[in-house]
Structure formats: structure tokens, C-alpha cells
Amino acid sequence: MADTEKNLEARQWFAKAYECQMQGDLDEAISMYKRSIELNPTAEAHTFLGWTYSFLGKYEEAILECKKAIEIDPEFGNPWNDIGAYLIELSRDDEAIFYLEKAITAKRYENVCFPHYNLSRIYLKKEMLQKAASELKKALEANPDYLLAKEALGNIESQLQ
């Protein structure tokens, strides 16, 4: 099979996997993401496979997939942020900071509001309210409609008064 055909088939498997994931058929999504990766391993496919594992609470597997994504494309911000979020779920906050900061500076990342929000979660746990508020403001600069960040900032500002 020519590379172009393999890449097209891989994209088709990826699209089907995403559809299954959004419908809650996670086992089928995992199978399809793996098929996509067999044909053409992309940072996106590994990241989304990791995301699917996270839905099942399999954070270590999710982190491994995101690390594979980073090996393929270190400028893709999603896996950096996702690792940070998974580490937060595993109560490994200090380790998460590195990954979230890498997500913020990644050249290929449209949702920089997410790592800022995730950093705010860490600083809030550490009772560093000013730093948490600063990260939330940055999240809202990146996405003024980010409701979770708006709510969290409002809560912090009421505590600071």
C-alpha cells in the first residue's frame, strides 16, 4: 500500500475512533486509534488514544501515549497539557508543572487556556491564590469565553477580598 493510501486509511480510522470515543464506545475507540497508529503513527492519534485511556482512569497508559506523541511532534501542545492534567489526577502536581509550562510554549497549540487553567488548579491546591488568579487571567486572555476559568477566578477573587 502506498504511503498516501496508508495515510488516508489512517485518517479514516482516526475519524471513526473519535466518533466512537464521543459516543462512549471506548474499547472500540481504542482499537481504532491503534489501527490508525499502525498505519501512520501521528502525534494526534497517540494523544487521542491517551485521552481515551484517561476516560477509563488509565492515566499511566494515557501518559505513555502522550509521551509517544511528543516524540513524534514536540511542538504539538495537546499531549504536554494532557500529561499535566493526568499527573494532577494522580496527585503528582509538582511533576505536572513542567508539562503544563511546555504546553504553554508549544508552537502548535490553539488551546493555551487549558494549561493555564490546569496550573491554576495546582496553585489553588498549594493555597497560592495570587499565582492561581494570574494563571486564570492568562487562560481568559487566551479564551475569554472559558467558563470554568471565569468561575474559578471569581471564586479566588472573592477569597482575596
C-alpha atoms as a PDB file:
ATOM      1  CA  MET A   1       0.000   0.000   0.000  1.00  0.00           C
ATOM      2  CA  ALA A   2       1.391   3.415  -0.964  1.00  0.00           C
ATOM      3  CA  ASP A   3       2.095   5.939   1.794  1.00  0.00           C
ATOM      4  CA  THR A   4      -0.691   8.218   0.585  1.00  0.00           C
ATOM      5  CA  GLU A   5      -3.227   5.402   0.775  1.00  0.00           C
ATOM      6  CA  LYS A   6      -1.957   4.354   4.222  1.00  0.00           C
ATOM      7  CA  ASN A   7      -2.201   7.924   5.476  1.00  0.00           C
ATOM      8  CA  LEU A   8      -5.739   8.283   4.123  1.00  0.00           C
ATOM      9  CA  GLU A   9      -6.794   4.996   5.705  1.00  0.00           C
ATOM     10  CA  ALA A  10      -5.131   6.030   8.983  1.00  0.00           C
ATOM     11  CA  ARG A  11      -7.100   9.313   8.969  1.00  0.00           C
ATOM     12  CA  GLN A  12     -10.304   7.363   8.345  1.00  0.00           C
ATOM     13  CA  TRP A  13      -9.610   5.059  11.302  1.00  0.00           C
ATOM     14  CA  PHE A  14      -8.805   8.127  13.424  1.00  0.00           C
ATOM     15  CA  ALA A  15     -12.125   9.762  12.492  1.00  0.00           C
ATOM     16  CA  LYS A  16     -14.048   6.577  13.284  1.00  0.00           C
ATOM     17  CA  ALA A  17     -12.197   6.232  16.582  1.00  0.00           C
ATOM     18  CA  TYR A  18     -13.045   9.791  17.575  1.00  0.00           C
ATOM     19  CA  GLU A  19     -16.698   9.186  16.741  1.00  0.00           C
ATOM     20  CA  CYS A  20     -16.737   6.037  18.894  1.00  0.00           C
ATOM     21  CA  GLN A  21     -14.998   7.886  21.705  1.00  0.00           C
ATOM     22  CA  MET A  22     -17.572  10.686  21.660  1.00  0.00           C
ATOM     23  CA  GLN A  23     -20.362   8.104  21.717  1.00  0.00           C
ATOM     24  CA  GLY A  24     -18.814   6.429  24.761  1.00  0.00           C
ATOM     25  CA  ASP A  25     -17.682   3.253  22.984  1.00  0.00           C
ATOM     26  CA  LEU A  26     -14.199   3.493  24.436  1.00  0.00           C
ATOM     27  CA  ASP A  27     -13.000  -0.058  23.763  1.00  0.00           C
ATOM     28  CA  GLU A  28     -13.866   0.315  20.086  1.00  0.00           C
ATOM     29  CA  ALA A  29     -12.233   3.752  20.004  1.00  0.00           C
ATOM     30  CA  ILE A  30      -9.028   2.335  21.472  1.00  0.00           C
ATOM     31  CA  SER A  31      -8.979  -0.424  18.866  1.00  0.00           C
ATOM     32  CA  MET A  32      -9.499   2.056  16.035  1.00  0.00           C
ATOM     33  CA  TYR A  33      -6.890   4.548  17.298  1.00  0.00           C
ATOM     34  CA  LYS A  34      -4.405   1.675  17.465  1.00  0.00           C
ATOM     35  CA  ARG A  35      -5.259   0.705  13.882  1.00  0.00           C
ATOM     36  CA  SER A  36      -4.695   4.296  12.795  1.00  0.00           C
ATOM     37  CA  ILE A  37      -1.334   4.328  14.573  1.00  0.00           C
ATOM     38  CA  GLU A  38      -0.292   1.051  12.913  1.00  0.00           C
ATOM     39  CA  LEU A  39      -0.869   2.641   9.517  1.00  0.00           C
ATOM     40  CA  ASN A  40       0.561   6.082  10.295  1.00  0.00           C
ATOM     41  CA  PRO A  41       1.713   6.953  13.813  1.00  0.00           C
ATOM     42  CA  THR A  42       0.854  10.614  14.391  1.00  0.00           C
ATOM     43  CA  ALA A  43       1.085  12.823  17.446  1.00  0.00           C
ATOM     44  CA  GLU A  44      -2.661  13.364  17.233  1.00  0.00           C
ATOM     45  CA  ALA A  45      -3.535   9.651  17.180  1.00  0.00           C
ATOM     46  CA  HIS A  46      -1.303   8.897  20.170  1.00  0.00           C
ATOM     47  CA  THR A  47      -2.695  11.900  22.074  1.00  0.00           C
ATOM     48  CA  PHE A  48      -6.300  10.933  21.418  1.00  0.00           C
ATOM     49  CA  LEU A  49      -5.598   7.309  22.322  1.00  0.00           C
ATOM     50  CA  GLY A  50      -4.184   8.627  25.579  1.00  0.00           C
ATOM     51  CA  TRP A  51      -7.255  10.790  26.084  1.00  0.00           C
ATOM     52  CA  THR A  52      -9.440   7.704  25.645  1.00  0.00           C
ATOM     53  CA  TYR A  53      -7.379   5.814  28.230  1.00  0.00           C
ATOM     54  CA  SER A  54      -7.912   8.742  30.613  1.00  0.00           C
ATOM     55  CA  PHE A  55     -11.680   8.329  30.275  1.00  0.00           C
ATOM     56  CA  LEU A  56     -11.153   4.847  31.730  1.00  0.00           C
ATOM     57  CA  GLY A  57      -8.959   6.176  34.548  1.00  0.00           C
ATOM     58  CA  LYS A  58      -5.879   4.575  32.959  1.00  0.00           C
ATOM     59  CA  TYR A  59      -3.666   7.610  33.489  1.00  0.00           C
ATOM     60  CA  GLU A  60      -0.309   5.826  33.261  1.00  0.00           C
ATOM     61  CA  GLU A  61      -1.248   4.388  29.851  1.00  0.00           C
ATOM     62  CA  ALA A  62      -2.510   7.825  28.819  1.00  0.00           C
ATOM     63  CA  ILE A  63       0.789   9.413  29.820  1.00  0.00           C
ATOM     64  CA  LEU A  64       2.754   6.824  27.821  1.00  0.00           C
ATOM     65  CA  GLU A  65       0.706   7.574  24.696  1.00  0.00           C
ATOM     66  CA  CYS A  66       1.223  11.306  25.138  1.00  0.00           C
ATOM     67  CA  LYS A  67       4.971  10.787  25.508  1.00  0.00           C
ATOM     68  CA  LYS A  68       4.912   8.904  22.194  1.00  0.00           C
ATOM     69  CA  ALA A  69       3.067  11.865  20.677  1.00  0.00           C
ATOM     70  CA  ILE A  70       5.737  14.249  21.977  1.00  0.00           C
ATOM     71  CA  GLU A  71       8.472  12.087  20.435  1.00  0.00           C
ATOM     72  CA  ILE A  72       6.732  12.454  17.063  1.00  0.00           C
ATOM     73  CA  ASP A  73       5.986  16.175  17.366  1.00  0.00           C
ATOM     74  CA  PRO A  74       7.328  18.054  20.403  1.00  0.00           C
ATOM     75  CA  GLU A  75       5.672  21.271  19.179  1.00  0.00           C
ATOM     76  CA  PHE A  76       2.157  19.798  19.433  1.00  0.00           C
ATOM     77  CA  GLY A  77       0.814  21.259  22.673  1.00  0.00           C
ATOM     78  CA  ASN A  78      -2.052  18.884  23.408  1.00  0.00           C
ATOM     79  CA  PRO A  79      -0.004  15.961  24.768  1.00  0.00           C
ATOM     80  CA  TRP A  80       2.036  18.272  27.009  1.00  0.00           C
ATOM     81  CA  ASN A  81      -1.137  19.673  28.579  1.00  0.00           C
ATOM     82  CA  ASP A  82      -2.759  16.253  28.771  1.00  0.00           C
ATOM     83  CA  ILE A  83       0.192  14.760  30.643  1.00  0.00           C
ATOM     84  CA  GLY A  84      -0.005  17.666  33.075  1.00  0.00           C
ATOM     85  CA  ALA A  85      -3.727  17.076  33.600  1.00  0.00           C
ATOM     86  CA  TYR A  86      -3.216  13.331  34.111  1.00  0.00           C
ATOM     87  CA  LEU A  87      -0.433  13.966  36.618  1.00  0.00           C
ATOM     88  CA  ILE A  88      -2.775  16.277  38.537  1.00  0.00           C
ATOM     89  CA  GLU A  89      -5.296  13.419  38.667  1.00  0.00           C
ATOM     90  CA  LEU A  90      -2.510  11.220  40.064  1.00  0.00           C
ATOM     91  CA  SER A  91      -1.678  13.904  42.706  1.00  0.00           C
ATOM     92  CA  ARG A  92       1.732  14.478  41.111  1.00  0.00           C
ATOM     93  CA  ASP A  93       1.276  18.228  40.924  1.00  0.00           C
ATOM     94  CA  ASP A  94       4.922  19.295  41.056  1.00  0.00           C
ATOM     95  CA  GLU A  95       5.743  16.965  38.169  1.00  0.00           C
ATOM     96  CA  ALA A  96       2.763  18.324  36.207  1.00  0.00           C
ATOM     97  CA  ILE A  97       4.065  21.901  36.236  1.00  0.00           C
ATOM     98  CA  PHE A  98       6.880  21.081  33.790  1.00  0.00           C
ATOM     99  CA  TYR A  99       4.471  19.609  31.231  1.00  0.00           C
ATOM    100  CA  LEU A 100       1.948  22.422  31.554  1.00  0.00           C
ATOM    101  CA  GLU A 101       4.651  25.044  31.045  1.00  0.00           C
ATOM    102  CA  LYS A 102       5.827  23.165  27.930  1.00  0.00           C
ATOM    103  CA  ALA A 103       2.227  23.182  26.619  1.00  0.00           C
ATOM    104  CA  ILE A 104       2.053  26.952  27.038  1.00  0.00           C
ATOM    105  CA  THR A 105       5.142  27.491  24.895  1.00  0.00           C
ATOM    106  CA  ALA A 106       4.367  24.838  22.252  1.00  0.00           C
ATOM    107  CA  LYS A 107       4.286  26.302  18.749  1.00  0.00           C
ATOM    108  CA  ARG A 108       1.404  24.116  17.582  1.00  0.00           C
ATOM    109  CA  TYR A 109      -1.282  24.613  20.185  1.00  0.00           C
ATOM    110  CA  GLU A 110      -4.518  26.553  19.887  1.00  0.00           C
ATOM    111  CA  ASN A 111      -5.938  25.917  23.367  1.00  0.00           C
ATOM    112  CA  VAL A 112      -3.333  27.523  25.591  1.00  0.00           C
ATOM    113  CA  CYS A 113      -6.143  28.388  28.003  1.00  0.00           C
ATOM    114  CA  PHE A 114      -6.132  24.761  29.236  1.00  0.00           C
ATOM    115  CA  PRO A 115      -2.571  24.568  30.618  1.00  0.00           C
ATOM    116  CA  HIS A 116      -3.052  27.953  32.292  1.00  0.00           C
ATOM    117  CA  TYR A 117      -6.239  26.662  33.892  1.00  0.00           C
ATOM    118  CA  ASN A 118      -4.512  23.446  34.950  1.00  0.00           C
ATOM    119  CA  LEU A 119      -1.652  25.403  36.501  1.00  0.00           C
ATOM    120  CA  SER A 120      -4.223  27.421  38.432  1.00  0.00           C
ATOM    121  CA  ARG A 121      -5.598  24.164  39.852  1.00  0.00           C
ATOM    122  CA  ILE A 122      -2.158  23.281  41.193  1.00  0.00           C
ATOM    123  CA  TYR A 123      -1.573  26.726  42.681  1.00  0.00           C
ATOM    124  CA  LEU A 124      -5.023  26.682  44.246  1.00  0.00           C
ATOM    125  CA  LYS A 125      -4.236  23.349  45.950  1.00  0.00           C
ATOM    126  CA  LYS A 126      -0.994  24.884  47.216  1.00  0.00           C
ATOM    127  CA  GLU A 127      -3.009  27.874  48.513  1.00  0.00           C
ATOM    128  CA  MET A 128      -1.045  30.192  46.218  1.00  0.00           C
ATOM    129  CA  LEU A 129      -4.101  32.268  45.352  1.00  0.00           C
ATOM    130  CA  GLN A 130      -2.314  35.131  43.583  1.00  0.00           C
ATOM    131  CA  LYS A 131      -0.479  32.738  41.255  1.00  0.00           C
ATOM    132  CA  ALA A 132      -3.689  30.794  40.637  1.00  0.00           C
ATOM    133  CA  ALA A 133      -5.527  34.029  39.789  1.00  0.00           C
ATOM    134  CA  SER A 134      -2.708  35.069  37.459  1.00  0.00           C
ATOM    135  CA  GLU A 135      -2.934  31.784  35.550  1.00  0.00           C
ATOM    136  CA  LEU A 136      -6.716  32.099  35.287  1.00  0.00           C
ATOM    137  CA  LYS A 137      -6.366  35.620  33.883  1.00  0.00           C
ATOM    138  CA  LYS A 138      -3.960  34.249  31.268  1.00  0.00           C
ATOM    139  CA  ALA A 139      -6.439  31.475  30.463  1.00  0.00           C
ATOM    140  CA  LEU A 140      -9.144  34.091  29.938  1.00  0.00           C
ATOM    141  CA  GLU A 141      -6.849  36.227  27.775  1.00  0.00           C
ATOM    142  CA  ALA A 142      -6.428  33.184  25.536  1.00  0.00           C
ATOM    143  CA  ASN A 143     -10.154  32.326  25.619  1.00  0.00           C
ATOM    144  CA  PRO A 144     -12.474  34.972  27.097  1.00  0.00           C
ATOM    145  CA  ASP A 145     -15.418  32.531  26.952  1.00  0.00           C
ATOM    146  CA  TYR A 146     -13.760  29.824  29.072  1.00  0.00           C
ATOM    147  CA  LEU A 147     -16.474  29.367  31.691  1.00  0.00           C
ATOM    148  CA  LEU A 148     -14.502  27.184  34.122  1.00  0.00           C
ATOM    149  CA  ALA A 149     -11.739  29.798  34.270  1.00  0.00           C
ATOM    150  CA  LYS A 150     -14.266  32.614  34.789  1.00  0.00           C
ATOM    151  CA  GLU A 151     -15.924  30.758  37.659  1.00  0.00           C
ATOM    152  CA  ALA A 152     -12.628  29.800  39.292  1.00  0.00           C
ATOM    153  CA  LEU A 153     -11.294  33.355  39.025  1.00  0.00           C
ATOM    154  CA  GLY A 154     -14.491  34.699  40.572  1.00  0.00           C
ATOM    155  CA  ASN A 155     -14.121  32.281  43.489  1.00  0.00           C
ATOM    156  CA  ILE A 156     -10.490  33.239  44.056  1.00  0.00           C
ATOM    157  CA  GLU A 157     -11.185  36.966  43.810  1.00  0.00           C
ATOM    158  CA  SER A 158     -13.929  36.650  46.435  1.00  0.00           C
ATOM    159  CA  GLN A 159     -11.424  34.902  48.744  1.00  0.00           C
ATOM    160  CA  LEU A 160      -8.820  37.612  48.191  1.00  0.00           C
ATOM    161  CA  GLN A 161     -11.175  40.422  49.242  1.00  0.00           C
END
